[in-house]
């Protein structure tokens, strides 16, 4: 049985909810007070007897909403109006109608933490050698992560409720957490304890990851997996300027397998002239994950069997100093720089050597110029005498089209 809270704390809490019924005031305050008086432990009262409050929270929220937040916090009761959701309270006993994107820290032994009122908590974390007798989640409440992995930390009971067709959710428990009994109402959600230790290294990454056979819409990856010690691997990709990784599946390409193990993947349906990041993620037997990553850029245009030449747009940016990276692959496989220093001449190296024809217009900062002198032997444009350009400065953007042999 949980250790009762001190008589002083109990008395303080009952005083807080002893609000005389009056027009506009809480109509269930006396009933709430009577229930708390009946039980030695406020947590037990809420968890076992206040199904009405735990189910709808309306009366409890009504009572608490009339009280001063500072007084509530003095007895570790939180009915937050979210002054700072990123800063969770320490050692609360009851949280009602609150949202915390930060961590709620339990730093001393506690008979329980009750979370009610559609509250949402990102993380509840116990300090070393701390025991939390009860963690009670009312319906509609969510805790994303419970962390009792510190040495000697322990949660004796977790209560997950389902009332009025509304579920509570504990999404995950950190690997190695000390957990006793988990009481789950049918319909509530418990994500369970992560079976993988995030601290364990994984030395089974793939080797020799390479990109080849690059076209305007496809890239072939190849690698060598470890001989043993791993369970499976997943492949992810994203555009370089995106932060969202997408797991590769049948809609984008397919694996090729050697001796029963995936040793490559061919991506299709990619965008032309685009940098992509590719990631091979290996899950090891010990639960660790090893990641190997590579980048590749699709070429700007496809081979057209019906035409001898294929147009390819090229965009250049003027910078001081010129950025040494950021080239563009043309469909004949040649890479050109796309950043150039200020001056009066813009160059596209090597184009003359592959018999490319330059197609006007020459577009400078979004404005089309039809007659910019071009030297096909050096692959340069001379803009010094062109009205409206004169010279190129930092931040200027120049776009042209060239026609490449298909």
Protein backbone atom coordinates (compact mmCIF):
# COMPACT_ATOMS: atom_id res chain seq x y z
CA UNK A 1 0.00 0.00 0.00
CA UNK A 2 1.40 3.44 -0.81
CA UNK A 3 2.73 5.50 2.07
CA UNK A 4 0.07 8.06 3.04
CA UNK A 5 0.93 11.69 2.52
CA UNK A 6 1.58 13.69 5.64
CA UNK A 7 -1.45 14.94 7.60
CA UNK A 8 -0.31 18.52 7.00
CA UNK A 9 -0.14 18.05 3.24
CA UNK A 10 -3.49 16.30 3.24
CA UNK A 11 -5.08 19.04 5.30
CA UNK A 12 -3.62 21.70 3.02
CA UNK A 13 -5.01 19.98 -0.05
CA UNK A 14 -8.48 19.55 1.45
CA UNK A 15 -8.47 23.21 2.48
CA UNK A 16 -7.71 24.14 -1.11
CA UNK A 17 -10.72 22.30 -2.49
CA UNK A 18 -13.03 23.38 0.36
CA UNK A 19 -14.77 26.00 -1.74
CA UNK A 20 -18.24 26.89 -0.48
CA UNK A 21 -20.93 26.24 -3.10
CA UNK A 22 -22.20 29.54 -4.38
CA UNK A 23 -23.60 30.93 -7.61
CA UNK A 24 -20.92 30.33 -10.21
CA UNK A 25 -18.79 28.29 -7.82
CA UNK A 26 -17.88 24.56 -7.91
CA UNK A 27 -20.95 22.44 -7.24
CA UNK A 28 -18.99 19.30 -6.27
CA UNK A 29 -16.43 20.79 -3.91
CA UNK A 30 -18.06 19.37 -0.77
CA UNK A 31 -18.38 15.91 -2.32
CA UNK A 32 -14.74 16.06 -3.36
CA UNK A 33 -13.70 17.14 0.14
CA UNK A 34 -15.68 14.30 1.74
CA UNK A 35 -13.99 11.71 -0.47
CA UNK A 36 -10.54 13.06 0.37
CA UNK A 37 -11.39 13.02 4.09
CA UNK A 38 -12.37 9.35 3.82
CA UNK A 39 -8.96 8.24 2.54
CA UNK A 40 -5.58 8.55 4.17
CA UNK A 41 -4.01 8.97 0.75
CA UNK A 42 -5.19 11.53 -1.79
CA UNK A 43 -3.65 9.45 -4.58
CA UNK A 44 -5.72 6.39 -3.59
CA UNK A 45 -8.82 8.53 -3.39
CA UNK A 46 -8.36 9.77 -6.91
CA UNK A 47 -7.17 6.51 -8.37
CA UNK A 48 -9.76 4.21 -6.80
CA UNK A 49 -12.82 6.27 -5.95
CA UNK A 50 -13.05 9.29 -8.18
CA UNK A 51 -14.17 7.56 -11.35
CA UNK A 52 -16.38 10.55 -12.02
CA UNK A 53 -13.43 12.92 -11.79
CA UNK A 54 -11.05 10.55 -13.46
CA UNK A 55 -13.50 9.91 -16.26
CA UNK A 56 -14.55 13.43 -17.17
CA UNK A 57 -12.39 15.62 -14.88
CA UNK A 58 -15.00 18.36 -15.15
CA UNK A 59 -15.67 18.71 -11.41
CA UNK A 60 -12.04 18.42 -10.41
CA UNK A 61 -10.98 20.99 -13.00
CA UNK A 62 -13.83 23.24 -11.87
CA UNK A 63 -12.65 23.07 -8.27
CA UNK A 64 -9.00 23.56 -9.09
CA UNK A 65 -9.64 26.37 -11.55
CA UNK A 66 -10.98 28.56 -8.73
CA UNK A 67 -7.78 28.16 -6.73
CA UNK A 68 -4.55 30.06 -6.83
CA UNK A 69 -1.88 28.25 -8.86
CA UNK A 70 0.79 29.19 -6.32
CA UNK A 71 -1.18 27.63 -3.46
CA UNK A 72 -1.72 24.50 -5.51
CA UNK A 73 1.98 24.20 -6.28
CA UNK A 74 2.79 24.53 -2.58
CA UNK A 75 1.21 21.11 -2.05
CA UNK A 76 2.64 19.77 -5.33
CA UNK A 77 -0.68 19.98 -7.20
CA UNK A 78 -0.54 21.36 -10.73
CA UNK A 79 -3.45 22.76 -12.71
CA UNK A 80 -1.26 24.63 -15.16
CA UNK A 81 -2.30 27.30 -17.56
CA UNK A 82 0.95 26.49 -19.36
CA UNK A 83 3.20 29.38 -18.43
CA UNK A 84 6.15 27.40 -19.78
CA UNK A 85 5.26 23.94 -21.11
CA UNK A 86 8.93 23.21 -21.78
CA UNK A 87 9.73 23.37 -18.06
CA UNK A 88 8.08 20.52 -16.22
CA UNK A 89 7.44 20.63 -12.45
CA UNK A 90 9.51 18.65 -9.98
CA UNK A 91 7.92 16.13 -7.63
CA UNK A 92 4.24 16.82 -8.42
CA UNK A 93 1.51 14.66 -6.88
CA UNK A 94 -1.34 15.58 -9.19
CA UNK A 95 -1.31 17.19 -12.64
CA UNK A 96 -4.60 18.29 -14.10
CA UNK A 97 -5.44 19.83 -17.46
CA UNK A 98 -1.79 20.49 -18.32
CA UNK A 99 0.71 20.10 -21.15
CA UNK A 100 4.46 19.71 -20.67
CA UNK A 101 6.86 19.39 -23.57
CA UNK A 102 9.73 19.23 -21.10
CA UNK A 103 10.63 16.69 -18.42
CA UNK A 104 8.80 16.13 -15.13
CA UNK A 105 11.49 15.12 -12.65
CA UNK A 106 10.78 12.88 -9.67
CA UNK A 107 13.74 13.50 -7.34
CA UNK A 108 12.41 12.10 -4.07
CA UNK A 109 10.34 9.10 -3.00
CA UNK A 110 6.66 9.63 -3.70
CA UNK A 111 3.42 7.78 -3.00
CA UNK A 112 2.21 8.63 -6.47
CA UNK A 113 1.77 10.90 -9.45
CA UNK A 114 -1.76 11.25 -10.85
CA UNK A 115 -2.21 12.80 -14.29
CA UNK A 116 -5.76 13.85 -15.23
CA UNK A 117 -7.69 16.16 -17.51
CA UNK A 118 -6.43 15.33 -21.00
CA UNK A 119 -2.93 16.20 -19.90
CA UNK A 120 0.07 15.53 -22.11
CA UNK A 121 3.59 14.96 -20.74
CA UNK A 122 6.64 14.38 -22.90
CA UNK A 123 8.78 12.69 -20.24
CA UNK A 124 8.59 11.56 -16.61
CA UNK A 125 12.06 10.86 -15.24
CA UNK A 126 13.10 9.38 -11.90
CA UNK A 127 16.38 10.23 -10.22
CA UNK A 128 18.67 7.51 -8.88
CA UNK A 129 17.36 5.51 -5.90
CA UNK A 130 13.92 7.13 -6.10
CA UNK A 131 10.74 5.08 -5.74
CA UNK A 132 7.46 6.22 -7.28
CA UNK A 133 4.78 4.00 -5.77
CA UNK A 134 2.06 4.78 -8.34
CA UNK A 135 1.88 6.43 -11.75
CA UNK A 136 -1.81 6.90 -12.60
CA UNK A 137 -2.92 8.16 -16.04
CA UNK A 138 -6.52 9.22 -16.39
CA UNK A 139 -8.40 8.81 -19.67
CA UNK A 140 -7.28 11.15 -22.43
CA UNK A 141 -3.86 11.60 -20.81
CA UNK A 142 -0.56 10.71 -22.48
CA UNK A 143 3.00 10.24 -21.28
CA UNK A 144 5.40 9.80 -24.18
CA UNK A 145 8.40 8.45 -22.24
CA UNK A 146 8.81 7.09 -18.72
CA UNK A 147 12.46 6.91 -17.68
CA UNK A 148 13.25 4.96 -14.52
CA UNK A 149 16.59 3.70 -15.84
CA UNK A 150 18.76 5.50 -13.26
CA UNK A 151 20.44 3.25 -10.71
CA UNK A 152 17.94 2.15 -8.05
CA UNK A 153 14.98 4.01 -9.59
CA UNK A 154 11.71 2.10 -9.48
CA UNK A 155 8.01 2.60 -10.33
CA UNK A 156 5.99 0.13 -8.28
CA UNK A 157 2.66 0.44 -10.13
CA UNK A 158 1.53 1.93 -13.40
CA UNK A 159 -2.21 2.45 -13.85
CA UNK A 160 -3.52 2.97 -17.40
CA UNK A 161 -7.24 3.69 -17.59
CA UNK A 162 -10.00 3.54 -20.16
CA UNK A 163 -13.23 5.32 -19.27
CA UNK A 164 -16.05 6.91 -21.23
CA UNK A 165 -14.56 5.53 -24.45
CA UNK A 166 -11.38 7.49 -23.79
CA UNK A 167 -7.97 5.83 -23.42
CA UNK A 168 -4.83 6.78 -21.57
CA UNK A 169 -1.47 6.12 -23.20
CA UNK A 170 2.05 5.42 -21.99
CA UNK A 171 3.94 5.26 -25.26
CA UNK A 172 7.32 3.91 -24.15
CA UNK A 173 9.52 3.04 -21.18
CA UNK A 174 13.27 3.55 -21.43
CA UNK A 175 15.45 0.45 -21.64
CA UNK A 176 16.51 -0.80 -18.21
CA UNK A 177 13.82 1.05 -16.25
CA UNK A 178 12.74 -0.44 -12.92
CA UNK A 179 9.05 -1.28 -13.34
CA UNK A 180 6.80 -3.33 -11.06
CA UNK A 181 3.18 -4.06 -12.01
CA UNK A 182 1.46 -2.48 -15.01
CA UNK A 183 -2.35 -2.36 -14.67
CA UNK A 184 -3.90 -1.79 -18.10
CA UNK A 185 -7.61 -1.30 -18.67
CA UNK A 186 -8.85 -2.87 -21.88
CA UNK A 187 -8.60 -0.17 -24.50
CA UNK A 188 -5.72 1.73 -22.88
CA UNK A 189 -2.34 1.79 -24.65
CA UNK A 190 1.01 0.67 -23.28
CA UNK A 191 3.95 0.82 -25.64
CA UNK A 192 6.12 -1.34 -23.39
CA UNK A 193 9.77 -1.13 -22.48
CA UNK A 194 12.24 -0.54 -25.28
CA UNK A 195 14.15 -3.83 -25.68
CA UNK A 196 17.16 -2.07 -27.18
CA UNK A 197 19.89 -0.43 -25.18
CA UNK A 198 20.67 2.89 -26.90
CA UNK A 199 24.06 2.91 -25.18
CA UNK A 200 25.26 -0.27 -26.87
CA UNK A 201 27.46 0.28 -29.91
CA UNK A 202 26.86 -1.56 -33.13
CA UNK A 203 29.97 -2.46 -35.09
CA UNK A 204 28.19 -4.19 -37.95
CA UNK A 205 27.70 -1.30 -40.37
CA UNK A 206 27.79 -2.02 -44.08
CA UNK A 207 31.05 -1.25 -45.88
CA UNK A 208 31.88 -0.07 -49.36
CA UNK A 209 28.67 1.93 -49.79
CA UNK A 210 28.74 3.40 -53.32
CA UNK A 211 26.43 5.09 -55.81
CA UNK A 212 26.59 4.23 -59.51
CA UNK A 213 24.57 4.11 -62.75
CA UNK A 214 23.23 7.61 -62.07
CA UNK A 215 20.63 8.92 -64.50
CA UNK A 216 18.15 11.79 -64.39
CA UNK A 217 15.74 9.74 -62.24
CA UNK A 218 17.61 6.76 -60.81
CA UNK A 219 20.60 5.85 -58.63
CA UNK A 220 21.98 2.39 -57.88
CA UNK A 221 23.50 1.79 -54.43
CA UNK A 222 25.73 -1.12 -53.51
CA UNK A 223 27.36 -2.20 -50.25
CA UNK A 224 28.87 -5.16 -48.42
CA UNK A 225 27.04 -6.28 -45.24
CA UNK A 226 28.79 -7.76 -42.23
CA UNK A 227 29.06 -11.55 -42.25
CA UNK A 228 27.02 -11.95 -39.04
CA UNK A 229 25.95 -10.22 -35.84
CA UNK A 230 23.07 -8.24 -37.29
CA UNK A 231 19.33 -8.80 -37.61
CA UNK A 232 18.14 -6.68 -40.52
CA UNK A 233 18.81 -3.45 -42.38
CA UNK A 234 16.63 -0.63 -43.60
CA UNK A 235 17.28 1.93 -46.31
CA UNK A 236 16.22 5.57 -46.12
CA UNK A 237 16.52 8.51 -48.48
CA UNK A 238 15.74 12.22 -48.60
CA UNK A 239 16.46 15.27 -50.68
CA UNK A 240 19.53 17.02 -49.30
CA UNK A 241 17.62 20.18 -48.40
CA UNK A 242 15.00 18.18 -46.46
CA UNK A 243 15.15 17.04 -42.83
CA UNK A 244 12.65 14.19 -43.31
CA UNK A 245 13.99 10.70 -43.99
CA UNK A 246 11.75 8.36 -46.00
CA UNK A 247 12.05 4.59 -45.79
CA UNK A 248 12.68 3.07 -49.20
CA UNK A 249 10.01 0.67 -50.44
CA UNK A 250 8.63 -0.91 -53.57
CA UNK A 251 7.18 2.38 -54.82
CA UNK A 252 10.63 3.92 -55.23
CA UNK A 253 12.81 0.95 -56.16
CA UNK A 254 13.95 -2.52 -55.18
CA UNK A 255 16.69 -4.45 -53.35
CA UNK A 256 19.04 -6.89 -54.96
CA UNK A 257 20.21 -9.77 -52.80
CA UNK A 258 23.42 -11.78 -52.76
CA UNK A 259 23.72 -14.99 -50.72
CA UNK A 260 20.52 -14.20 -48.87
CA UNK A 261 21.56 -10.71 -47.73
CA UNK A 262 20.65 -7.34 -49.29
CA UNK A 263 23.73 -5.96 -51.02
CA UNK A 264 22.22 -3.11 -53.01
CA UNK A 265 19.18 -1.15 -54.04
CA UNK A 266 18.15 0.65 -57.23
CA UNK A 267 16.19 3.85 -56.74
CA UNK A 268 13.79 5.05 -59.42
CA UNK A 269 11.28 7.88 -59.73
CA UNK A 270 13.77 10.46 -58.49
CA UNK A 271 13.78 14.10 -59.55
CA UNK A 272 16.36 15.26 -62.12
CA UNK A 273 19.32 17.45 -61.18
CA UNK A 274 18.72 16.89 -57.45
CA UNK A 275 21.02 16.00 -54.57
CA UNK A 276 19.82 13.05 -52.49
CA UNK A 277 21.10 11.59 -49.21
CA UNK A 278 20.93 7.81 -48.77
CA UNK A 279 21.25 5.98 -45.45
CA UNK A 280 21.71 2.26 -44.75
CA UNK A 281 20.65 1.49 -41.16
CA UNK A 282 21.73 -1.87 -39.70
CA UNK A 283 20.05 -3.27 -36.56
CA UNK A 284 22.54 -5.40 -34.64
CA UNK A 285 21.85 -8.40 -32.44
CA UNK A 286 22.56 -6.36 -29.29
CA UNK A 287 19.90 -3.81 -30.22
CA UNK A 288 22.30 -1.14 -31.39
CA UNK A 289 22.02 0.57 -34.74
CA UNK A 290 24.83 1.37 -37.19
CA UNK A 291 24.24 3.93 -39.91
CA UNK A 292 26.22 4.48 -43.12
CA UNK A 293 25.38 7.39 -45.39
CA UNK A 294 26.21 8.62 -48.88
CA UNK A 295 25.01 11.43 -51.18
CA UNK A 296 24.52 11.52 -54.92
CA UNK A 297 23.09 13.91 -57.49
CA UNK A 298 20.89 12.87 -60.38
CA UNK A 299 21.81 14.34 -63.75
CA UNK A 300 19.86 17.18 -65.28
CA UNK A 301 18.23 15.50 -68.26
CA UNK A 302 17.29 12.18 -69.76
CA UNK A 303 18.63 10.53 -72.86
CA UNK A 304 16.18 11.13 -75.67
CA UNK A 305 16.47 8.53 -78.45
CA UNK A 306 14.31 10.69 -80.73
CA UNK A 307 16.64 13.68 -80.65
CA UNK A 308 20.32 14.17 -81.23
CA UNK A 309 20.45 16.85 -78.52
CA UNK A 310 18.78 17.37 -75.18
CA UNK A 311 18.28 20.74 -73.51
CA UNK A 312 19.74 21.11 -70.01
CA UNK A 313 19.10 24.15 -67.78
CA UNK A 314 22.08 25.45 -65.82
CA UNK A 315 21.82 27.96 -62.98
CA UNK A 316 24.91 29.73 -61.62
CA UNK A 317 25.30 31.92 -58.53
CA UNK A 318 27.91 34.66 -58.11
CA UNK A 319 29.70 34.62 -54.74
CA UNK A 320 32.84 35.94 -53.05
CA UNK A 321 34.62 33.68 -52.53
CA UNK A 322 33.16 31.21 -54.98
CA UNK A 323 31.81 28.13 -53.17
CA UNK A 324 34.05 25.16 -54.03
CA UNK A 325 31.13 22.71 -53.99
CA UNK A 326 27.67 22.56 -55.52
CA UNK A 327 28.35 21.28 -59.01
CA UNK A 328 25.71 20.08 -61.41
CA UNK A 329 25.89 16.82 -63.34
CA UNK A 330 24.90 17.04 -66.98
CA UNK A 331 23.35 14.14 -68.79
CA UNK A 332 26.65 13.34 -70.51
CA UNK A 333 28.16 12.77 -67.05
CA UNK A 334 30.23 15.95 -66.90
CA UNK A 335 30.02 18.01 -63.73
CA UNK A 336 30.19 21.79 -63.88
CA UNK A 337 30.57 24.30 -61.08
CA UNK A 338 27.51 26.38 -60.27
CA UNK A 339 29.19 29.04 -58.10
CA UNK A 340 31.47 31.69 -59.61
CA UNK A 341 33.36 34.79 -58.39
CA UNK A 342 32.25 38.30 -59.30
CA UNK A 343 33.52 39.63 -62.62
CA UNK A 344 32.51 40.24 -66.21
CA UNK A 345 32.68 36.70 -67.49
CA UNK A 346 30.71 33.59 -66.63
CA UNK A 347 32.26 30.27 -67.59
CA UNK A 348 30.87 26.77 -68.03
CA UNK A 349 34.00 24.61 -68.32
CA UNK A 350 34.44 21.82 -70.85
CA UNK A 351 31.21 22.31 -72.74
CA UNK A 352 32.96 23.07 -76.01
CA UNK A 353 34.86 19.78 -75.78
CA UNK A 354 31.63 17.78 -75.84
CA UNK A 355 30.08 19.62 -78.78
CA UNK A 356 27.40 21.49 -76.84
CA UNK A 357 25.29 24.20 -78.40
CA UNK A 358 24.38 27.19 -76.22
CA UNK A 359 20.77 28.28 -76.41
CA UNK A 360 19.77 31.82 -75.52
CA UNK A 361 18.12 33.43 -73.65
CA UNK A 362 20.72 34.33 -71.06
CA UNK A 363 18.72 35.02 -67.85
CA UNK A 364 20.25 37.42 -65.33
CA UNK A 365 18.43 37.79 -61.98
CA UNK A 366 15.20 36.74 -63.65
CA UNK A 367 15.51 39.06 -66.66
CA UNK A 368 16.02 37.58 -70.15
CA UNK A 369 18.86 38.87 -72.34
CA UNK A 370 18.77 37.57 -75.91
CA UNK A 371 22.13 38.65 -77.30
CA UNK A 372 24.91 37.97 -74.83
CA UNK A 373 28.23 37.23 -76.58
CA UNK A 374 29.31 33.62 -76.11
CA UNK A 375 32.65 32.01 -76.97
CA UNK A 376 32.02 28.29 -77.73
CA UNK A 377 35.77 27.52 -77.50
CA UNK A 378 36.15 28.76 -73.93
CA UNK A 379 32.56 28.21 -72.78
CA UNK A 380 32.25 31.78 -71.48
CA UNK A 381 29.81 34.67 -71.78
CA UNK A 382 31.08 38.25 -71.86
CA UNK A 383 28.50 40.47 -70.16
CA UNK A 384 30.72 43.54 -69.78
CA UNK A 385 29.10 45.37 -72.67
CA UNK A 386 25.52 44.23 -72.12
CA UNK A 387 23.20 47.02 -71.03
CA UNK A 388 21.54 46.15 -67.75
CA UNK A 389 24.30 43.80 -66.60
CA UNK A 390 27.71 45.40 -67.01
CA UNK A 391 29.36 43.25 -64.33
CA UNK A 392 28.40 40.47 -61.98
CA UNK A 393 28.19 40.98 -58.21
CA UNK A 394 27.65 38.86 -55.10
CA UNK A 395 24.23 37.27 -55.07
CA UNK A 396 23.59 37.57 -58.81
CA UNK A 397 21.99 34.51 -60.38
CA UNK A 398 22.54 33.56 -64.01
CA UNK A 399 20.62 30.84 -65.89
CA UNK A 400 21.21 29.46 -69.36
CA UNK A 401 20.22 26.43 -71.42
CA UNK A 402 22.69 24.25 -73.24
CA UNK A 403 21.92 21.45 -75.65
CA UNK A 404 23.87 18.27 -75.00
CA UNK A 405 24.37 15.22 -77.22
CA UNK A 406 21.70 12.69 -76.29
